[in-house]
Amino acid sequence: MPFTLYHLGPVLVFGLPFRNRIDLATLCIASVVLDTWPALVLFGVLPGPYHWIWHTYLGAAVITGMLTSGIVLGARRFPTQFDRFRIGQRKRTEIASTALVGTWLHVTFDSITHPTMNPFAPVVGNPFSVYLSPMYLTLFCDITLIIGLAWLVMLYTINTRSAEETSRTPSSTSSDGLVAVGPLQLMSSSIRHRLIGTIIVFISVGVLLLVDPTHTVIRSVTWSVAGGVMLFNGLYLTGIRFQWTD
């Protein structure tokens, strides 16, 4: 992958529907942890090729065992910190299976973008490099990353603000100035916020689908718009409100 965070998009879209059955934080960590070695090689800390034995299914299984042990021990040693980020709240077997899915998805995606990899080592060969163009895989990761981040932030917004919305009076909900015109006046501020954010995200995804993936300028603008939506959602999540006054 050209950018390791691209791996987060597919695992978020895959994992969020099953968030009540899997350890979502472990899945996200496992999807990017394999790029620790290439990063160290890139910065000259370690010698050797970028995609070594850890970028194989066998090596990823070893990393899965190490990651599972670290999460289980960390949850016991630092329960408050791990509970805060909802890490390690499942059984050991569930954590291990979730981590394995994350690391193996990483190997599969990188095998598509790097034909010289040998994902089934010690068997030589890479059958995945002929199935999908790296350009289209990158576009797929672009789209899923936008959808996954928007979905994640909006879920947390709903969970953390539901109690506040039930106790808020109608007069205070309509005074935040967040595009309260026409039928939108009948909605609470958080619902209007999520609706507008979702519309912008879907427009961004539509632009990514229609624009030539090699057109870097439009793609950069689209990413900036989507990033602004994520920032706005994040600020709202932390309690910051935007008000427009005459």
Protein backbone atom coordinates (compact mmCIF):
# COMPACT_ATOMS: atom_id res chain seq x y z
CA MET A 1 0.00 0.00 0.00
CA PRO A 2 1.25 3.52 -0.71
CA PHE A 3 -0.07 4.71 2.64
CA THR A 4 -0.55 2.34 5.55
CA LEU A 5 -3.73 4.04 6.81
CA TYR A 6 -5.42 2.92 3.61
CA HIS A 7 -5.70 -0.48 5.26
CA LEU A 8 -8.08 1.00 7.83
CA GLY A 9 -10.81 1.67 5.27
CA PRO A 10 -11.68 -1.93 4.33
CA VAL A 11 -11.39 -3.24 7.90
CA LEU A 12 -13.64 -0.46 9.25
CA VAL A 13 -16.33 -1.14 6.66
CA PHE A 14 -15.96 -4.86 7.30
CA GLY A 15 -15.75 -4.62 11.09
CA LEU A 16 -18.30 -1.95 12.02
CA PRO A 17 -21.36 -4.11 11.21
CA PHE A 18 -19.93 -6.76 13.56
CA ARG A 19 -18.66 -4.35 16.22
CA ASN A 20 -20.74 -6.06 18.92
CA ARG A 21 -19.14 -9.43 18.18
CA ILE A 22 -15.50 -8.57 17.51
CA ASP A 23 -12.80 -6.38 19.06
CA LEU A 24 -12.88 -3.53 16.54
CA ALA A 25 -9.84 -1.76 18.00
CA THR A 26 -7.78 -4.95 17.71
CA LEU A 27 -8.89 -5.34 14.09
CA CYS A 28 -7.75 -1.80 13.25
CA ILE A 29 -4.39 -2.23 15.02
CA ALA A 30 -3.78 -5.57 13.32
CA SER A 31 -4.53 -4.08 9.90
CA VAL A 32 -1.61 -1.63 10.14
CA VAL A 33 0.88 -3.23 12.54
CA LEU A 34 2.65 -5.14 9.74
CA ASP A 35 3.85 -1.86 8.26
CA THR A 36 6.04 -1.25 11.31
CA TRP A 37 8.90 -3.13 9.64
CA PRO A 38 8.69 -1.26 6.29
CA ALA A 39 8.56 2.03 8.19
CA LEU A 40 11.75 1.19 10.08
CA VAL A 41 13.43 0.18 6.83
CA LEU A 42 12.24 3.39 5.15
CA PHE A 43 13.79 5.56 7.86
CA GLY A 44 17.03 3.58 7.85
CA VAL A 45 16.59 2.00 11.27
CA LEU A 46 16.64 -1.55 9.86
CA PRO A 47 18.30 -2.98 6.76
CA GLY A 48 16.72 -5.30 4.25
CA PRO A 49 13.68 -5.36 1.97
CA TYR A 50 10.46 -3.55 2.81
CA HIS A 51 8.29 -6.63 2.64
CA TRP A 52 10.15 -9.34 4.47
CA ILE A 53 8.81 -12.52 6.07
CA TRP A 54 6.25 -10.52 8.08
CA HIS A 55 4.37 -9.73 4.88
CA THR A 56 3.45 -13.39 4.39
CA TYR A 57 0.52 -15.31 5.82
CA LEU A 58 2.89 -17.35 7.97
CA GLY A 59 4.72 -14.29 9.28
CA ALA A 60 1.42 -12.47 9.84
CA ALA A 61 0.23 -15.40 11.97
CA VAL A 62 3.32 -15.00 14.15
CA ILE A 63 2.64 -11.26 14.49
CA THR A 64 -0.97 -12.13 15.38
CA GLY A 65 0.23 -14.26 18.29
CA MET A 66 2.54 -11.50 19.53
CA LEU A 67 -0.17 -8.84 19.18
CA THR A 68 -2.76 -10.99 20.96
CA SER A 69 -0.38 -11.63 23.86
CA GLY A 70 0.43 -7.94 24.11
CA ILE A 71 -3.23 -6.92 24.15
CA VAL A 72 -4.22 -9.55 26.73
CA LEU A 73 -1.32 -8.66 29.03
CA GLY A 74 -1.87 -4.93 28.52
CA ALA A 75 -5.56 -5.23 29.37
CA ARG A 76 -4.63 -6.94 32.63
CA ARG A 77 -1.85 -4.48 33.49
CA PHE A 78 -3.61 -1.28 32.42
CA PRO A 79 -7.35 -2.05 32.57
CA THR A 80 -8.47 1.58 32.82
CA GLN A 81 -6.55 2.73 29.75
CA PHE A 82 -7.54 -0.29 27.66
CA ASP A 83 -11.19 -0.02 28.66
CA ARG A 84 -11.19 3.63 27.68
CA PHE A 85 -10.31 2.73 24.09
CA ARG A 86 -12.30 -0.52 24.21
CA ILE A 87 -9.27 -2.69 23.54
CA GLY A 88 -9.05 -6.26 24.75
CA GLN A 89 -12.64 -6.48 25.98
CA ARG A 90 -13.26 -9.87 24.33
CA LYS A 91 -12.16 -13.42 25.02
CA ARG A 92 -8.62 -14.37 24.09
CA THR A 93 -9.77 -16.54 21.18
CA GLU A 94 -11.92 -13.70 19.82
CA ILE A 95 -9.03 -11.25 20.06
CA ALA A 96 -6.71 -13.72 18.30
CA SER A 97 -9.15 -14.46 15.47
CA THR A 98 -9.88 -10.76 14.97
CA ALA A 99 -6.16 -9.93 14.85
CA LEU A 100 -5.58 -12.75 12.36
CA VAL A 101 -8.26 -11.37 10.04
CA GLY A 102 -6.64 -7.92 10.22
CA THR A 103 -3.10 -9.11 9.48
CA TRP A 104 -4.14 -11.47 6.69
CA LEU A 105 -6.23 -8.77 5.01
CA HIS A 106 -3.12 -6.57 5.13
CA VAL A 107 -1.03 -9.24 3.43
CA THR A 108 -3.72 -9.81 0.79
CA PHE A 109 -4.05 -6.13 -0.12
CA ASP A 110 -0.29 -5.60 -0.23
CA SER A 111 0.08 -8.66 -2.43
CA ILE A 112 -2.08 -6.92 -5.02
CA THR A 113 -0.06 -3.70 -5.03
CA HIS A 114 3.37 -5.38 -4.75
CA PRO A 115 3.76 -8.18 -7.33
CA THR A 116 7.19 -9.16 -5.98
CA MET A 117 5.75 -10.30 -2.65
CA ASN A 118 5.44 -14.01 -1.80
CA PRO A 119 2.38 -14.16 0.49
CA PHE A 120 2.43 -17.98 0.69
CA ALA A 121 6.15 -18.21 1.54
CA PRO A 122 8.06 -20.48 1.68
CA VAL A 123 6.15 -21.17 -1.55
CA VAL A 124 7.34 -18.68 -4.17
CA GLY A 125 4.73 -16.80 -6.21
CA ASN A 126 2.05 -14.17 -5.94
CA PRO A 127 -1.31 -15.09 -7.47
CA PHE A 128 -3.06 -11.92 -6.27
CA SER A 129 -1.15 -9.41 -8.40
CA VAL A 130 -3.11 -10.35 -11.54
CA TYR A 131 -6.62 -10.09 -10.10
CA LEU A 132 -6.96 -6.35 -9.53
CA SER A 133 -5.15 -3.22 -10.64
CA PRO A 134 -3.35 -1.36 -7.82
CA MET A 135 -5.04 1.84 -9.04
CA TYR A 136 -8.51 0.43 -8.46
CA LEU A 137 -7.51 -1.08 -5.13
CA THR A 138 -6.29 2.34 -4.01
CA LEU A 139 -9.58 3.88 -5.13
CA PHE A 140 -11.46 1.20 -3.19
CA CYS A 141 -9.42 1.98 -0.07
CA ASP A 142 -10.07 5.71 -0.57
CA ILE A 143 -13.82 5.17 -0.61
CA THR A 144 -13.96 2.71 2.28
CA LEU A 145 -11.72 4.91 4.43
CA ILE A 146 -14.07 7.89 4.01
CA ILE A 147 -17.15 5.76 4.68
CA GLY A 148 -15.53 3.96 7.61
CA LEU A 149 -14.32 7.10 9.37
CA ALA A 150 -17.66 8.86 8.88
CA TRP A 151 -19.52 5.79 10.12
CA LEU A 152 -17.25 5.43 13.15
CA VAL A 153 -17.41 9.07 14.23
CA MET A 154 -21.16 9.27 13.76
CA LEU A 155 -21.70 6.13 15.84
CA TYR A 156 -19.68 7.62 18.67
CA THR A 157 -21.52 10.90 18.31
CA ILE A 158 -24.84 9.11 18.67
CA ASN A 159 -23.70 7.08 21.68
CA THR A 160 -22.15 9.98 23.58
CA ARG A 161 -24.79 12.60 22.82
CA SER A 162 -28.00 10.57 23.16
CA ALA A 163 -28.41 11.36 26.87
CA GLU A 164 -27.70 15.04 26.25
CA GLU A 165 -30.30 15.26 23.47
CA THR A 166 -33.05 13.69 25.57
CA SER A 167 -32.59 16.25 28.34
CA ARG A 168 -32.20 19.26 26.07
CA THR A 169 -35.20 21.58 25.66
CA PRO A 170 -36.51 22.50 22.18
CA SER A 171 -35.48 26.12 22.58
CA SER A 172 -31.87 25.23 23.31
CA THR A 173 -31.66 22.75 20.42
CA SER A 174 -32.77 25.36 17.91
CA SER A 175 -30.31 28.02 19.06
CA ASP A 176 -27.10 26.44 17.79
CA GLY A 177 -27.53 27.92 14.32
CA LEU A 178 -26.60 24.72 12.45
CA VAL A 179 -28.53 25.11 9.19
CA ALA A 180 -31.96 25.14 10.86
CA VAL A 181 -34.15 26.09 7.90
CA GLY A 182 -37.43 24.66 6.63
CA PRO A 183 -38.13 21.06 7.75
CA LEU A 184 -34.68 20.92 9.36
CA GLN A 185 -36.07 23.04 12.19
CA LEU A 186 -38.02 19.99 13.33
CA MET A 187 -34.78 18.03 13.84
CA SER A 188 -32.41 18.20 16.77
CA SER A 189 -29.01 19.78 16.18
CA SER A 190 -27.15 16.45 16.33
CA ILE A 191 -29.49 14.86 13.75
CA ARG A 192 -29.05 17.86 11.42
CA HIS A 193 -25.30 17.64 11.97
CA ARG A 194 -25.16 13.94 11.10
CA LEU A 195 -27.47 14.36 8.10
CA ILE A 196 -25.42 17.17 6.56
CA GLY A 197 -22.16 15.37 7.30
CA THR A 198 -23.43 12.17 5.69
CA ILE A 199 -24.58 14.03 2.56
CA ILE A 200 -21.15 15.67 2.16
CA VAL A 201 -19.36 12.34 2.66
CA PHE A 202 -21.52 10.62 0.03
CA ILE A 203 -20.90 13.49 -2.39
CA SER A 204 -17.16 13.06 -1.77
CA VAL A 205 -17.43 9.33 -2.45
CA GLY A 206 -19.38 10.04 -5.64
CA VAL A 207 -16.67 12.41 -6.84
CA LEU A 208 -14.01 9.79 -6.14
CA LEU A 209 -15.98 7.28 -8.19
CA LEU A 210 -16.41 9.61 -11.16
CA VAL A 211 -13.00 11.26 -11.25
CA ASP A 212 -10.03 9.67 -12.95
CA PRO A 213 -7.89 8.18 -10.13
CA THR A 214 -4.80 9.79 -11.68
CA HIS A 215 -6.27 13.30 -11.34
CA THR A 216 -4.42 14.23 -8.16
CA VAL A 217 -5.75 17.79 -7.85
CA ILE A 218 -9.45 16.86 -7.71
CA ARG A 219 -8.71 13.86 -5.51
CA SER A 220 -6.78 16.10 -3.09
CA VAL A 221 -9.67 18.58 -2.94
CA THR A 222 -12.11 15.73 -2.34
CA TRP A 223 -9.96 14.35 0.45
CA SER A 224 -9.79 17.83 2.01
CA VAL A 225 -13.58 18.15 1.98
CA ALA A 226 -13.99 14.70 3.50
CA GLY A 227 -11.30 15.50 6.07
CA GLY A 228 -13.15 18.68 7.02
CA VAL A 229 -16.28 16.64 7.64
CA MET A 230 -14.31 14.29 9.90
CA LEU A 231 -12.83 17.24 11.79
CA PHE A 232 -16.26 18.82 12.22
CA ASN A 233 -17.67 15.54 13.54
CA GLY A 234 -14.72 15.15 15.88
CA LEU A 235 -15.12 18.66 17.30
CA TYR A 236 -18.82 18.02 17.79
CA LEU A 237 -18.01 14.78 19.54
CA THR A 238 -15.80 16.58 22.05
CA GLY A 239 -18.55 19.08 22.84
CA ILE A 240 -17.51 22.03 20.66
CA ARG A 241 -20.42 23.79 18.94
CA PHE A 242 -20.37 26.18 15.99
CA GLN A 243 -22.72 29.15 16.30
CA TRP A 244 -23.50 31.86 13.79
CA THR A 245 -24.80 35.14 15.21
CA ASP A 246 -26.07 38.23 13.45
